[in-house]
Amino acid sequence: MRIDFNEINEVTVPGMNGGTGEMSARMHMSERGKIIPCRIHPASSIGAHRHETSDDINYVLSGTGVATCDGVEEPLSAGVCHVCPKGSEHAIVNTGDDDLCLLTVVVER
């Protein structure tokens, strides 16, 4: 399957999952999960939320941040992958001056 994210409208989401600021994303969704190239803007975050039915995989393309998964903080930078397994709770904060750019893959299981 080919997915052209250039053909998917970008949406801006304020306060994602109770977080701060804004993130922008292009989302491909199916019954098996989601593929989401996204940008968490400076001084913004995705609030703490639990993945009851899926694994959430976040590969960092650029920028810096911190992911907290089940109370453990993990630094994020380009080339790092943060995985929040099914049943875990996590949040992501942009700690840099530029967008924190992620490729997020949500796998339902």
N, C-alpha and C. Protein backbone atom coordinates (compact mmCIF):
# COMPACT_ATOMS: atom_id res chain seq x y z
N MET A 1 0.84 -1.18 0.00
CA MET A 1 0.00 0.00 0.00
C MET A 1 0.89 1.25 0.00
N ARG A 2 0.56 2.19 -0.84
CA ARG A 2 1.28 3.46 -0.92
C ARG A 2 0.42 4.53 -0.25
N ILE A 3 1.05 5.31 0.63
CA ILE A 3 0.35 6.42 1.29
C ILE A 3 1.12 7.69 0.96
N ASP A 4 0.47 8.63 0.30
CA ASP A 4 1.09 9.91 -0.04
C ASP A 4 0.60 10.97 0.95
N PHE A 5 1.44 11.26 1.94
CA PHE A 5 1.05 12.23 2.96
C PHE A 5 0.95 13.65 2.41
N ASN A 6 1.48 13.88 1.21
CA ASN A 6 1.31 15.19 0.56
C ASN A 6 -0.15 15.42 0.18
N GLU A 7 -0.92 14.33 0.07
CA GLU A 7 -2.33 14.43 -0.31
C GLU A 7 -3.26 14.45 0.90
N ILE A 8 -2.70 14.37 2.10
CA ILE A 8 -3.51 14.38 3.32
C ILE A 8 -3.40 15.76 3.96
N ASN A 9 -4.53 16.36 4.24
CA ASN A 9 -4.53 17.69 4.85
C ASN A 9 -3.90 17.66 6.23
N GLU A 10 -3.09 18.65 6.51
CA GLU A 10 -2.50 18.79 7.83
C GLU A 10 -3.51 19.45 8.76
N VAL A 11 -3.63 18.92 9.96
CA VAL A 11 -4.50 19.51 10.96
C VAL A 11 -3.65 20.00 12.12
N THR A 12 -4.08 21.08 12.74
CA THR A 12 -3.42 21.60 13.93
C THR A 12 -4.32 21.31 15.12
N VAL A 13 -3.72 20.68 16.13
CA VAL A 13 -4.49 20.25 17.30
C VAL A 13 -3.99 21.01 18.52
N PRO A 14 -4.85 21.83 19.15
CA PRO A 14 -4.43 22.50 20.39
C PRO A 14 -4.59 21.55 21.58
N GLY A 15 -3.63 21.58 22.50
CA GLY A 15 -3.76 20.83 23.75
C GLY A 15 -4.01 19.35 23.58
N MET A 16 -3.25 18.69 22.73
CA MET A 16 -3.45 17.26 22.47
C MET A 16 -3.42 16.46 23.77
N ASN A 17 -4.46 15.70 24.02
CA ASN A 17 -4.59 14.88 25.24
C ASN A 17 -4.34 15.67 26.52
N GLY A 18 -4.79 16.91 26.53
CA GLY A 18 -4.62 17.75 27.72
C GLY A 18 -3.25 18.37 27.84
N GLY A 19 -2.47 18.31 26.77
CA GLY A 19 -1.14 18.93 26.78
C GLY A 19 -1.23 20.43 26.57
N THR A 20 -0.07 21.05 26.35
CA THR A 20 0.01 22.49 26.16
C THR A 20 0.30 22.82 24.71
N GLY A 21 0.03 24.04 24.31
CA GLY A 21 0.39 24.50 22.97
C GLY A 21 -0.32 23.75 21.88
N GLU A 22 0.41 23.54 20.76
CA GLU A 22 -0.18 22.94 19.57
C GLU A 22 0.75 21.90 18.95
N MET A 23 0.13 20.99 18.24
CA MET A 23 0.87 20.08 17.36
C MET A 23 0.16 20.07 16.01
N SER A 24 0.91 19.78 14.97
CA SER A 24 0.36 19.67 13.62
C SER A 24 0.64 18.28 13.11
N ALA A 25 -0.32 17.70 12.38
CA ALA A 25 -0.17 16.31 11.94
C ALA A 25 -0.93 16.04 10.66
N ARG A 26 -0.45 15.05 9.94
CA ARG A 26 -1.16 14.46 8.81
C ARG A 26 -1.41 13.01 9.22
N MET A 27 -2.66 12.57 9.22
CA MET A 27 -2.99 11.27 9.80
C MET A 27 -3.55 10.30 8.77
N HIS A 28 -2.96 9.12 8.74
CA HIS A 28 -3.54 8.00 7.99
C HIS A 28 -4.07 7.02 9.04
N MET A 29 -5.36 6.70 8.97
CA MET A 29 -5.97 5.83 9.97
C MET A 29 -6.66 4.65 9.29
N SER A 30 -6.54 3.49 9.93
CA SER A 30 -7.27 2.30 9.50
C SER A 30 -7.63 1.49 10.74
N GLU A 31 -8.33 0.37 10.54
CA GLU A 31 -8.70 -0.46 11.68
C GLU A 31 -7.49 -1.10 12.35
N ARG A 32 -6.36 -1.14 11.66
CA ARG A 32 -5.14 -1.75 12.21
C ARG A 32 -4.27 -0.76 12.96
N GLY A 33 -4.55 0.53 12.79
CA GLY A 33 -3.75 1.53 13.48
C GLY A 33 -3.66 2.84 12.72
N LYS A 34 -2.61 3.59 13.04
CA LYS A 34 -2.43 4.93 12.47
C LYS A 34 -0.97 5.14 12.12
N ILE A 35 -0.73 5.94 11.10
CA ILE A 35 0.60 6.43 10.77
C ILE A 35 0.47 7.95 10.74
N ILE A 36 1.30 8.63 11.56
CA ILE A 36 1.11 10.06 11.76
C ILE A 36 2.45 10.80 11.74
N PRO A 37 2.82 11.42 10.63
CA PRO A 37 3.93 12.36 10.71
C PRO A 37 3.41 13.61 11.44
N CYS A 38 4.11 14.03 12.48
CA CYS A 38 3.60 15.16 13.25
C CYS A 38 4.73 16.06 13.74
N ARG A 39 4.32 17.26 14.13
CA ARG A 39 5.25 18.25 14.67
C ARG A 39 4.66 18.79 15.96
N ILE A 40 5.39 18.61 17.06
CA ILE A 40 4.99 19.23 18.32
C ILE A 40 5.74 20.56 18.34
N HIS A 41 5.01 21.65 18.36
CA HIS A 41 5.62 22.97 18.24
C HIS A 41 6.34 23.37 19.53
N PRO A 42 7.28 24.33 19.46
CA PRO A 42 8.02 24.75 20.65
C PRO A 42 7.07 25.13 21.80
N ALA A 43 7.50 24.81 23.01
CA ALA A 43 6.72 25.07 24.24
C ALA A 43 5.39 24.32 24.26
N SER A 44 5.32 23.20 23.53
CA SER A 44 4.08 22.41 23.45
C SER A 44 4.32 20.99 23.91
N SER A 45 3.21 20.31 24.18
CA SER A 45 3.32 18.92 24.64
C SER A 45 2.07 18.13 24.26
N ILE A 46 2.22 16.81 24.30
CA ILE A 46 1.10 15.88 24.23
C ILE A 46 0.92 15.40 25.67
N GLY A 47 -0.25 15.61 26.23
CA GLY A 47 -0.51 15.27 27.62
C GLY A 47 -0.50 13.76 27.87
N ALA A 48 -0.38 13.41 29.13
CA ALA A 48 -0.35 12.00 29.53
C ALA A 48 -1.64 11.30 29.12
N HIS A 49 -1.47 10.15 28.49
CA HIS A 49 -2.61 9.33 28.08
C HIS A 49 -2.17 7.87 28.02
N ARG A 50 -3.13 6.99 28.16
CA ARG A 50 -2.87 5.55 28.19
C ARG A 50 -3.27 4.91 26.87
N HIS A 51 -2.49 3.93 26.44
CA HIS A 51 -2.79 3.15 25.25
C HIS A 51 -3.33 1.79 25.68
N GLU A 52 -4.64 1.66 25.72
CA GLU A 52 -5.29 0.44 26.20
C GLU A 52 -5.28 -0.68 25.16
N THR A 53 -5.31 -0.32 23.87
CA THR A 53 -5.46 -1.34 22.82
C THR A 53 -4.34 -1.34 21.79
N SER A 54 -3.31 -0.52 22.01
CA SER A 54 -2.30 -0.37 20.96
C SER A 54 -0.92 -0.07 21.53
N ASP A 55 0.10 -0.33 20.71
CA ASP A 55 1.46 0.15 20.96
C ASP A 55 1.59 1.48 20.22
N ASP A 56 2.32 2.43 20.81
CA ASP A 56 2.54 3.74 20.20
C ASP A 56 4.04 3.90 20.00
N ILE A 57 4.47 3.98 18.75
CA ILE A 57 5.88 4.05 18.40
C ILE A 57 6.15 5.43 17.83
N ASN A 58 7.10 6.15 18.43
CA ASN A 58 7.43 7.52 18.02
C ASN A 58 8.90 7.60 17.65
N TYR A 59 9.17 7.75 16.34
CA TYR A 59 10.54 7.89 15.85
C TYR A 59 10.82 9.38 15.66
N VAL A 60 11.88 9.89 16.27
CA VAL A 60 12.20 11.31 16.21
C VAL A 60 13.00 11.62 14.94
N LEU A 61 12.43 12.49 14.11
CA LEU A 61 13.09 12.93 12.88
C LEU A 61 14.00 14.13 13.15
N SER A 62 13.54 15.06 13.99
CA SER A 62 14.34 16.23 14.35
C SER A 62 13.77 16.88 15.60
N GLY A 63 14.58 17.70 16.23
CA GLY A 63 14.16 18.40 17.43
C GLY A 63 14.57 17.65 18.69
N THR A 64 14.19 18.23 19.83
CA THR A 64 14.51 17.62 21.12
C THR A 64 13.28 17.65 22.01
N GLY A 65 13.23 16.67 22.91
CA GLY A 65 12.11 16.60 23.82
C GLY A 65 12.35 15.58 24.91
N VAL A 66 11.29 15.34 25.66
CA VAL A 66 11.31 14.34 26.72
C VAL A 66 10.01 13.55 26.64
N ALA A 67 10.13 12.23 26.65
CA ALA A 67 8.97 11.36 26.76
C ALA A 67 8.96 10.80 28.18
N THR A 68 7.78 10.74 28.78
CA THR A 68 7.63 10.09 30.08
C THR A 68 6.70 8.91 29.87
N CYS A 69 7.20 7.71 30.16
CA CYS A 69 6.43 6.49 29.98
C CYS A 69 6.38 5.76 31.32
N ASP A 70 5.18 5.60 31.84
CA ASP A 70 4.99 4.94 33.14
C ASP A 70 5.91 5.54 34.21
N GLY A 71 6.03 6.87 34.19
CA GLY A 71 6.80 7.60 35.20
C GLY A 71 8.28 7.71 34.94
N VAL A 72 8.79 7.09 33.89
CA VAL A 72 10.22 7.13 33.56
C VAL A 72 10.45 8.14 32.43
N GLU A 73 11.32 9.14 32.68
CA GLU A 73 11.63 10.14 31.65
C GLU A 73 12.73 9.62 30.73
N GLU A 74 12.52 9.89 29.44
CA GLU A 74 13.47 9.47 28.41
C GLU A 74 13.74 10.65 27.48
N PRO A 75 15.02 11.05 27.31
CA PRO A 75 15.33 12.17 26.41
C PRO A 75 15.09 11.77 24.95
N LEU A 76 14.61 12.72 24.16
CA LEU A 76 14.34 12.49 22.75
C LEU A 76 15.20 13.41 21.89
N SER A 77 15.76 12.85 20.82
CA SER A 77 16.51 13.62 19.83
C SER A 77 16.48 12.83 18.53
N ALA A 78 16.92 13.45 17.46
CA ALA A 78 16.89 12.82 16.14
C ALA A 78 17.53 11.44 16.18
N GLY A 79 16.82 10.46 15.62
CA GLY A 79 17.32 9.09 15.54
C GLY A 79 16.90 8.22 16.70
N VAL A 80 16.23 8.79 17.70
CA VAL A 80 15.77 8.03 18.87
C VAL A 80 14.34 7.58 18.63
N CYS A 81 14.03 6.37 19.09
CA CYS A 81 12.67 5.85 18.99
C CYS A 81 12.13 5.60 20.39
N HIS A 82 10.97 6.17 20.69
CA HIS A 82 10.28 5.96 21.96
C HIS A 82 9.09 5.05 21.71
N VAL A 83 9.01 3.96 22.47
CA VAL A 83 7.91 3.02 22.33
C VAL A 83 7.10 3.00 23.62
N CYS A 84 5.81 3.25 23.49
CA CYS A 84 4.88 3.15 24.62
C CYS A 84 4.05 1.90 24.38
N PRO A 85 4.32 0.81 25.12
CA PRO A 85 3.60 -0.43 24.87
C PRO A 85 2.15 -0.40 25.35
N LYS A 86 1.37 -1.27 24.79
CA LYS A 86 -0.04 -1.42 25.16
C LYS A 86 -0.17 -1.49 26.68
N GLY A 87 -1.10 -0.70 27.22
CA GLY A 87 -1.35 -0.68 28.65
C GLY A 87 -0.55 0.36 29.41
N SER A 88 0.41 1.00 28.74
CA SER A 88 1.25 2.01 29.40
C SER A 88 0.70 3.41 29.19
N GLU A 89 1.17 4.33 30.01
CA GLU A 89 0.79 5.74 29.90
C GLU A 89 2.02 6.55 29.55
N HIS A 90 1.85 7.51 28.63
CA HIS A 90 2.99 8.35 28.28
C HIS A 90 2.56 9.76 27.91
N ALA A 91 3.56 10.64 27.90
CA ALA A 91 3.41 12.04 27.49
C ALA A 91 4.70 12.43 26.77
N ILE A 92 4.61 13.43 25.90
CA ILE A 92 5.79 13.92 25.19
C ILE A 92 5.80 15.44 25.25
N VAL A 93 6.98 16.01 25.59
CA VAL A 93 7.15 17.45 25.69
C VAL A 93 8.26 17.89 24.75
N ASN A 94 8.00 18.94 23.98
CA ASN A 94 9.05 19.56 23.18
C ASN A 94 9.85 20.47 24.10
N THR A 95 11.14 20.18 24.26
CA THR A 95 12.01 20.99 25.13
C THR A 95 12.91 21.93 24.35
N GLY A 96 12.79 21.93 23.03
CA GLY A 96 13.69 22.74 22.20
C GLY A 96 13.04 24.00 21.67
N ASP A 97 13.82 24.72 20.86
CA ASP A 97 13.36 25.96 20.23
C ASP A 97 12.74 25.73 18.85
N ASP A 98 12.86 24.51 18.33
CA ASP A 98 12.31 24.16 17.02
C ASP A 98 11.23 23.10 17.21
N ASP A 99 10.49 22.81 16.14
CA ASP A 99 9.50 21.74 16.19
C ASP A 99 10.16 20.42 16.55
N LEU A 100 9.47 19.61 17.34
CA LEU A 100 9.87 18.23 17.59
C LEU A 100 9.10 17.41 16.57
N CYS A 101 9.81 16.91 15.55
CA CYS A 101 9.18 16.21 14.43
C CYS A 101 9.26 14.71 14.65
N LEU A 102 8.11 14.06 14.62
CA LEU A 102 8.01 12.63 14.89
C LEU A 102 7.30 11.91 13.74
N LEU A 103 7.66 10.66 13.55
CA LEU A 103 6.85 9.76 12.76
C LEU A 103 6.26 8.78 13.77
N THR A 104 4.96 8.88 13.99
CA THR A 104 4.26 8.06 14.98
C THR A 104 3.50 6.95 14.28
N VAL A 105 3.69 5.73 14.78
CA VAL A 105 2.96 4.58 14.27
C VAL A 105 2.22 3.95 15.45
N VAL A 106 0.90 3.86 15.35
CA VAL A 106 0.07 3.27 16.38
C VAL A 106 -0.40 1.92 15.84
N VAL A 107 -0.02 0.85 16.53
CA VAL A 107 -0.35 -0.51 16.09
C VAL A 107 -1.40 -1.09 17.02
N GLU A 108 -2.60 -1.32 16.50
CA GLU A 108 -3.67 -1.92 17.30
C GLU A 108 -3.38 -3.40 17.48
N ARG A 109 -3.61 -3.90 18.70
CA ARG A 109 -3.42 -5.33 18.93
C ARG A 109 -4.28 -5.79 20.09
